[in-house]
């Protein structure tokens, strides 16, 4: 009887966790729209600057170093900016669109 009660409680707990856990998902379209807005905001830095750095992006968006790097990598992959330098504080980014 004790084992039956424990198994039943466990199964009910898992079922409730799965059911209620699904309701907390953030739609990916919202995340994509927010990310696109942030990427576009990064590009506005080129209005006043020929070159930007990871630190500029971190300050503009109040984000971590790794997130800023990911955003800059994505813009580079899209062909909108190019990275100048390899690693460290000497790295900066130039807009490719401004030269076209």
N, C-alpha and C. Protein backbone atom coordinates (compact mmCIF):
# COMPACT_ATOMS: atom_id res chain seq x y z
N UNK A 1 0.83 -1.19 0.00
CA UNK A 1 0.00 0.00 0.00
C UNK A 1 0.87 1.26 0.00
N UNK A 2 1.94 1.24 0.79
CA UNK A 2 2.84 2.38 0.87
C UNK A 2 3.54 2.62 -0.47
N UNK A 3 3.96 1.57 -1.14
CA UNK A 3 4.63 1.68 -2.44
C UNK A 3 3.66 2.22 -3.49
N UNK A 4 2.42 1.73 -3.45
CA UNK A 4 1.41 2.20 -4.39
C UNK A 4 1.19 3.71 -4.22
N UNK A 5 1.12 4.18 -2.98
CA UNK A 5 0.92 5.60 -2.71
C UNK A 5 2.10 6.42 -3.23
N UNK A 6 3.32 5.97 -3.00
CA UNK A 6 4.51 6.69 -3.46
C UNK A 6 4.59 6.74 -4.98
N UNK A 7 4.29 5.62 -5.63
CA UNK A 7 4.30 5.59 -7.10
C UNK A 7 3.24 6.52 -7.67
N UNK A 8 2.05 6.49 -7.08
CA UNK A 8 0.97 7.35 -7.55
C UNK A 8 1.33 8.82 -7.39
N UNK A 9 1.89 9.17 -6.24
CA UNK A 9 2.28 10.56 -5.99
C UNK A 9 3.37 10.99 -6.96
N UNK A 10 4.31 10.10 -7.25
CA UNK A 10 5.39 10.42 -8.19
C UNK A 10 4.86 10.65 -9.59
N UNK A 11 3.97 9.79 -10.03
CA UNK A 11 3.40 9.92 -11.38
C UNK A 11 2.59 11.21 -11.49
N UNK A 12 1.80 11.49 -10.48
CA UNK A 12 1.00 12.72 -10.49
C UNK A 12 1.92 13.94 -10.49
N UNK A 13 2.98 13.90 -9.70
CA UNK A 13 3.93 15.01 -9.64
C UNK A 13 4.59 15.28 -10.98
N UNK A 14 5.01 14.22 -11.66
CA UNK A 14 5.64 14.37 -12.97
C UNK A 14 4.63 14.92 -13.98
N UNK A 15 3.42 14.39 -13.96
CA UNK A 15 2.39 14.85 -14.89
C UNK A 15 2.08 16.33 -14.68
N UNK A 16 1.95 16.76 -13.43
CA UNK A 16 1.68 18.17 -13.16
C UNK A 16 2.86 19.05 -13.57
N UNK A 17 4.07 18.57 -13.34
CA UNK A 17 5.25 19.32 -13.75
C UNK A 17 5.31 19.53 -15.24
N UNK A 18 5.01 18.49 -16.00
CA UNK A 18 5.02 18.59 -17.45
C UNK A 18 3.91 19.52 -17.92
N UNK A 19 2.73 19.37 -17.34
CA UNK A 19 1.58 20.19 -17.75
C UNK A 19 1.82 21.67 -17.48
N UNK A 20 2.21 22.01 -16.27
CA UNK A 20 2.39 23.42 -15.90
C UNK A 20 3.70 23.99 -16.42
N UNK A 21 4.68 23.17 -16.65
CA UNK A 21 5.96 23.64 -17.17
C UNK A 21 5.87 24.16 -18.58
N UNK A 22 4.98 23.62 -19.37
CA UNK A 22 4.83 24.04 -20.77
C UNK A 22 4.26 25.44 -20.89
N UNK A 23 3.51 25.90 -19.93
CA UNK A 23 2.88 27.21 -20.00
C UNK A 23 3.86 28.36 -19.84
N UNK A 24 5.07 28.08 -19.43
CA UNK A 24 6.03 29.15 -19.18
C UNK A 24 6.94 29.42 -20.37
N UNK A 25 6.74 28.77 -21.47
CA UNK A 25 7.60 28.98 -22.63
C UNK A 25 7.37 30.37 -23.21
N UNK A 26 8.45 31.03 -23.56
CA UNK A 26 8.37 32.33 -24.23
C UNK A 26 8.36 32.05 -25.72
N UNK A 27 7.40 32.59 -26.45
CA UNK A 27 7.35 32.33 -27.89
C UNK A 27 8.65 32.74 -28.57
N UNK A 28 9.13 31.89 -29.47
CA UNK A 28 10.39 32.19 -30.15
C UNK A 28 10.27 33.41 -31.05
N UNK A 29 9.07 33.71 -31.52
CA UNK A 29 8.91 34.90 -32.35
C UNK A 29 9.20 36.16 -31.55
N UNK A 30 8.82 36.16 -30.26
CA UNK A 30 9.13 37.29 -29.40
C UNK A 30 10.63 37.41 -29.21
N UNK A 31 11.29 36.28 -28.96
CA UNK A 31 12.74 36.30 -28.76
C UNK A 31 13.44 36.76 -30.02
N UNK A 32 13.00 36.28 -31.17
CA UNK A 32 13.62 36.69 -32.43
C UNK A 32 13.42 38.18 -32.69
N UNK A 33 12.23 38.69 -32.38
CA UNK A 33 11.96 40.12 -32.58
C UNK A 33 12.82 40.96 -31.66
N UNK A 34 12.97 40.53 -30.42
CA UNK A 34 13.80 41.27 -29.47
C UNK A 34 15.27 41.26 -29.91
N UNK A 35 15.72 40.11 -30.36
CA UNK A 35 17.10 40.00 -30.82
C UNK A 35 17.33 40.88 -32.05
N UNK A 36 16.40 40.86 -32.98
CA UNK A 36 16.53 41.68 -34.19
C UNK A 36 16.60 43.15 -33.83
N UNK A 37 15.76 43.58 -32.87
CA UNK A 37 15.79 44.97 -32.42
C UNK A 37 17.15 45.32 -31.85
N UNK A 38 17.72 44.41 -31.08
CA UNK A 38 19.03 44.66 -30.48
C UNK A 38 20.11 44.72 -31.55
N UNK A 39 20.04 43.83 -32.54
CA UNK A 39 21.03 43.85 -33.62
C UNK A 39 20.93 45.16 -34.40
N UNK A 40 19.71 45.61 -34.65
CA UNK A 40 19.53 46.88 -35.36
C UNK A 40 20.04 48.05 -34.52
N UNK A 41 19.85 47.97 -33.22
CA UNK A 41 20.33 49.03 -32.34
C UNK A 41 21.86 49.10 -32.36
N UNK A 42 22.51 47.95 -32.45
CA UNK A 42 23.97 47.92 -32.55
C UNK A 42 24.40 48.67 -33.81
N UNK A 43 23.70 48.45 -34.91
CA UNK A 43 24.07 49.10 -36.17
C UNK A 43 23.93 50.62 -36.08
N UNK A 44 23.07 51.12 -35.19
CA UNK A 44 22.94 52.57 -35.04
C UNK A 44 24.20 53.21 -34.46
N UNK A 45 25.04 52.41 -33.83
CA UNK A 45 26.30 52.94 -33.31
C UNK A 45 27.17 53.49 -34.44
N UNK A 46 26.98 52.96 -35.65
CA UNK A 46 27.79 53.40 -36.79
C UNK A 46 27.37 54.77 -37.32
N UNK A 47 26.28 55.32 -36.83
CA UNK A 47 25.87 56.66 -37.24
C UNK A 47 26.92 57.68 -36.80
N UNK A 48 27.43 57.50 -35.58
CA UNK A 48 28.40 58.44 -35.03
C UNK A 48 29.83 57.90 -34.97
N UNK A 49 30.02 56.62 -35.28
CA UNK A 49 31.33 55.99 -35.14
C UNK A 49 31.69 55.20 -36.39
N UNK A 50 32.95 55.25 -36.78
CA UNK A 50 33.42 54.41 -37.89
C UNK A 50 33.70 52.99 -37.41
N UNK A 51 34.06 52.88 -36.14
CA UNK A 51 34.41 51.58 -35.57
C UNK A 51 33.73 51.45 -34.21
N UNK A 52 33.36 50.22 -33.87
CA UNK A 52 32.79 49.96 -32.54
C UNK A 52 33.52 48.77 -31.93
N UNK A 53 33.39 48.64 -30.62
CA UNK A 53 34.01 47.53 -29.90
C UNK A 53 32.95 46.75 -29.15
N UNK A 54 33.37 45.62 -28.64
CA UNK A 54 32.51 44.80 -27.80
C UNK A 54 32.03 45.62 -26.60
N UNK A 55 32.91 46.44 -26.04
CA UNK A 55 32.55 47.26 -24.88
C UNK A 55 31.45 48.26 -25.23
N UNK A 56 31.49 48.81 -26.44
CA UNK A 56 30.43 49.73 -26.88
C UNK A 56 29.08 49.04 -26.88
N UNK A 57 29.05 47.81 -27.38
CA UNK A 57 27.81 47.04 -27.46
C UNK A 57 27.32 46.67 -26.06
N UNK A 58 28.24 46.26 -25.21
CA UNK A 58 27.87 45.91 -23.82
C UNK A 58 27.24 47.11 -23.13
N UNK A 59 27.82 48.27 -23.30
CA UNK A 59 27.31 49.48 -22.65
C UNK A 59 25.97 49.90 -23.24
N UNK A 60 25.84 49.84 -24.55
CA UNK A 60 24.61 50.24 -25.22
C UNK A 60 23.41 49.40 -24.77
N UNK A 61 23.61 48.08 -24.72
CA UNK A 61 22.50 47.17 -24.44
C UNK A 61 22.46 46.65 -23.01
N UNK A 62 23.47 46.99 -22.21
CA UNK A 62 23.59 46.49 -20.84
C UNK A 62 23.52 44.96 -20.82
N UNK A 63 24.46 44.35 -21.55
CA UNK A 63 24.51 42.90 -21.69
C UNK A 63 25.91 42.41 -21.33
N UNK A 64 26.06 41.10 -21.23
CA UNK A 64 27.34 40.50 -20.88
C UNK A 64 28.29 40.50 -22.08
N UNK A 65 29.55 40.25 -21.78
CA UNK A 65 30.58 40.18 -22.81
C UNK A 65 30.27 39.08 -23.83
N UNK A 66 29.86 37.91 -23.35
CA UNK A 66 29.59 36.81 -24.27
C UNK A 66 28.38 37.08 -25.16
N UNK A 67 27.36 37.75 -24.62
CA UNK A 67 26.19 38.09 -25.44
C UNK A 67 26.56 39.12 -26.49
N UNK A 68 27.35 40.11 -26.11
CA UNK A 68 27.80 41.12 -27.08
C UNK A 68 28.61 40.46 -28.19
N UNK A 69 29.48 39.53 -27.83
CA UNK A 69 30.28 38.81 -28.83
C UNK A 69 29.38 38.02 -29.77
N UNK A 70 28.36 37.35 -29.22
CA UNK A 70 27.43 36.58 -30.05
C UNK A 70 26.70 37.49 -31.02
N UNK A 71 26.23 38.64 -30.56
CA UNK A 71 25.53 39.58 -31.43
C UNK A 71 26.45 40.09 -32.54
N UNK A 72 27.67 40.44 -32.19
CA UNK A 72 28.62 40.92 -33.19
C UNK A 72 28.97 39.83 -34.19
N UNK A 73 29.11 38.60 -33.72
CA UNK A 73 29.37 37.47 -34.63
C UNK A 73 28.21 37.28 -35.60
N UNK A 74 26.99 37.44 -35.10
CA UNK A 74 25.82 37.28 -35.97
C UNK A 74 25.79 38.37 -37.04
N UNK A 75 26.07 39.60 -36.66
CA UNK A 75 26.11 40.69 -37.65
C UNK A 75 27.23 40.46 -38.67
N UNK A 76 28.32 39.89 -38.22
CA UNK A 76 29.42 39.57 -39.13
C UNK A 76 29.00 38.47 -40.11
N UNK A 77 28.32 37.46 -39.61
CA UNK A 77 27.82 36.37 -40.46
C UNK A 77 26.81 36.89 -41.48
N UNK A 78 26.00 37.87 -41.09
CA UNK A 78 25.02 38.47 -42.01
C UNK A 78 25.68 39.38 -43.04
N UNK A 79 26.98 39.64 -42.89
CA UNK A 79 27.69 40.48 -43.84
C UNK A 79 27.50 41.97 -43.62
N UNK A 80 27.09 42.36 -42.43
CA UNK A 80 26.85 43.77 -42.15
C UNK A 80 28.06 44.46 -41.52
N UNK A 81 28.90 43.70 -40.83
CA UNK A 81 30.10 44.26 -40.22
C UNK A 81 31.27 43.32 -40.46
N UNK A 82 32.47 43.83 -40.24
CA UNK A 82 33.65 42.97 -40.32
C UNK A 82 34.50 43.19 -39.08
N UNK A 83 35.09 42.11 -38.60
CA UNK A 83 35.95 42.18 -37.43
C UNK A 83 37.36 42.53 -37.87
N UNK A 84 37.96 43.49 -37.19
CA UNK A 84 39.34 43.87 -37.43
C UNK A 84 40.12 43.48 -36.18
N UNK A 85 41.13 42.64 -36.34
CA UNK A 85 41.89 42.13 -35.21
C UNK A 85 41.43 40.73 -34.86
N UNK A 86 42.25 40.05 -34.09
CA UNK A 86 41.95 38.65 -33.77
C UNK A 86 41.35 38.46 -32.38
N UNK A 87 42.10 38.89 -31.36
CA UNK A 87 41.62 38.68 -29.99
C UNK A 87 42.00 39.87 -29.11
N UNK A 88 41.31 39.98 -28.00
CA UNK A 88 41.67 40.97 -27.00
C UNK A 88 41.14 42.36 -27.26
N UNK A 89 41.76 43.31 -26.59
CA UNK A 89 41.28 44.68 -26.63
C UNK A 89 41.54 45.38 -27.95
N UNK A 90 42.36 44.79 -28.80
CA UNK A 90 42.63 45.39 -30.10
C UNK A 90 41.57 45.10 -31.15
N UNK A 91 40.57 44.30 -30.80
CA UNK A 91 39.52 43.94 -31.75
C UNK A 91 38.48 45.06 -31.83
N UNK A 92 38.11 45.41 -33.06
CA UNK A 92 37.01 46.34 -33.27
C UNK A 92 36.27 45.91 -34.52
N UNK A 93 35.16 46.55 -34.78
CA UNK A 93 34.29 46.15 -35.89
C UNK A 93 33.97 47.37 -36.75
N UNK A 94 34.00 47.17 -38.06
CA UNK A 94 33.65 48.22 -39.02
C UNK A 94 32.40 47.80 -39.78
N UNK A 95 31.63 48.79 -40.14
CA UNK A 95 30.43 48.54 -40.93
C UNK A 95 30.81 48.30 -42.38
N UNK A 96 30.29 47.25 -42.96
CA UNK A 96 30.51 46.98 -44.38
C UNK A 96 29.53 47.81 -45.20
N UNK A 97 28.33 48.03 -44.68
CA UNK A 97 27.29 48.77 -45.40
C UNK A 97 27.69 50.22 -45.62
N UNK A 98 28.41 50.80 -44.69
CA UNK A 98 28.78 52.21 -44.81
C UNK A 98 29.73 52.44 -45.99
N UNK A 99 30.46 51.41 -46.38
CA UNK A 99 31.42 51.55 -47.47
C UNK A 99 30.81 51.23 -48.82
N UNK A 100 29.59 50.76 -48.86
CA UNK A 100 28.97 50.39 -50.14
C UNK A 100 28.29 51.57 -50.77
